[in-house]
Each structure stands twice: as C-alpha cells, then as structure tokens.
Amino acid sequence: MTSMLHRFDRNAPFQLKVQQAELDYVTASRAAAATIAENYVGVALHE
C-alpha cells in the first residue's frame, strides 16, 4: 500500500502511471477497496 500512496523520486514515468492506475482501481472498485481493507486490518472472524 505504501508504494500505491507515496511517490518516490526514483520512479520512472511509466511506474507513476502504473501507480495512478492502481489507485484509480482501488478508489473505483468496491471489491478492490474491500480487499485492501481486509489485508490492512485482517479478515473478520465469525464465531
């Protein structure tokens, strides 16, 4: 997630476009946002 949210001086223009595309996908897709959230905080356990 860090590589998606932060820009680095060493990134080539192509890498910046890939980064923007990933961010656009996560912000436009409910499924992608849920995946990021689950990976960040963990999947809820049901008892």
C-alpha atoms as a PDB file:
ATOM      1  CA  MET A   1       0.000   0.000   0.000  1.00  0.00           C
ATOM      2  CA  THR A   2       2.917   2.354   0.631  1.00  0.00           C
ATOM      3  CA  SER A   3       4.020   2.111  -2.986  1.00  0.00           C
ATOM      4  CA  MET A   4       0.490   2.994  -4.106  1.00  0.00           C
ATOM      5  CA  LEU A   5       0.110   6.054  -1.861  1.00  0.00           C
ATOM      6  CA  HIS A   6       3.572   7.633  -1.905  1.00  0.00           C
ATOM      7  CA  ARG A   7       5.565   8.997  -4.809  1.00  0.00           C
ATOM      8  CA  PHE A   8       9.263   8.282  -4.968  1.00  0.00           C
ATOM      9  CA  ASP A   9      11.796  10.363  -6.883  1.00  0.00           C
ATOM     10  CA  ARG A  10      13.386   7.237  -8.361  1.00  0.00           C
ATOM     11  CA  ASN A  11      10.187   6.156 -10.153  1.00  0.00           C
ATOM     12  CA  ALA A  12      10.145   6.338 -13.923  1.00  0.00           C
ATOM     13  CA  PRO A  13       7.172   7.977 -15.679  1.00  0.00           C
ATOM     14  CA  PHE A  14       5.774   4.542 -16.545  1.00  0.00           C
ATOM     15  CA  GLN A  15       5.861   3.488 -12.891  1.00  0.00           C
ATOM     16  CA  LEU A  16       3.976   6.659 -11.932  1.00  0.00           C
ATOM     17  CA  LYS A  17       1.259   5.748 -14.450  1.00  0.00           C
ATOM     18  CA  VAL A  18       1.040   2.223 -13.012  1.00  0.00           C
ATOM     19  CA  GLN A  19       0.784   3.699  -9.525  1.00  0.00           C
ATOM     20  CA  GLN A  20      -2.025   6.036 -10.614  1.00  0.00           C
ATOM     21  CA  ALA A  21      -3.874   3.179 -12.310  1.00  0.00           C
ATOM     22  CA  GLU A  22      -3.692   1.073  -9.135  1.00  0.00           C
ATOM     23  CA  LEU A  23      -5.003   3.955  -7.036  1.00  0.00           C
ATOM     24  CA  ASP A  24      -7.792   4.636  -9.533  1.00  0.00           C
ATOM     25  CA  TYR A  25      -8.799   0.965  -9.441  1.00  0.00           C
ATOM     26  CA  VAL A  26      -8.921   0.808  -5.642  1.00  0.00           C
ATOM     27  CA  THR A  27     -10.954   4.005  -5.385  1.00  0.00           C
ATOM     28  CA  ALA A  28     -13.402   2.957  -8.123  1.00  0.00           C
ATOM     29  CA  SER A  29     -13.912  -0.700  -7.199  1.00  0.00           C
ATOM     30  CA  ARG A  30     -15.761  -1.707  -4.044  1.00  0.00           C
ATOM     31  CA  ALA A  31     -14.220  -5.186  -4.266  1.00  0.00           C
ATOM     32  CA  ALA A  32     -10.685  -3.778  -4.550  1.00  0.00           C
ATOM     33  CA  ALA A  33     -11.292  -1.415  -1.626  1.00  0.00           C
ATOM     34  CA  ALA A  34     -12.584  -4.318   0.479  1.00  0.00           C
ATOM     35  CA  THR A  35      -9.512  -6.379  -0.372  1.00  0.00           C
ATOM     36  CA  ILE A  36      -7.182  -3.546   0.664  1.00  0.00           C
ATOM     37  CA  ALA A  37      -9.144  -3.079   3.905  1.00  0.00           C
ATOM     38  CA  GLU A  38      -9.085  -6.802   4.715  1.00  0.00           C
ATOM     39  CA  ASN A  39      -5.362  -7.019   4.043  1.00  0.00           C
ATOM     40  CA  TYR A  40      -4.732  -3.931   6.175  1.00  0.00           C
ATOM     41  CA  VAL A  41      -6.779  -4.842   9.267  1.00  0.00           C
ATOM     42  CA  GLY A  42      -7.354  -8.561   8.783  1.00  0.00           C
ATOM     43  CA  VAL A  43     -10.408 -10.564   7.840  1.00  0.00           C
ATOM     44  CA  ALA A  44     -13.226 -10.586  10.396  1.00  0.00           C
ATOM     45  CA  LEU A  45     -13.535 -13.846  12.281  1.00  0.00           C
ATOM     46  CA  HIS A  46     -17.024 -15.239  12.682  1.00  0.00           C
ATOM     47  CA  GLU A  47     -17.685 -17.448  15.684  1.00  0.00           C
END
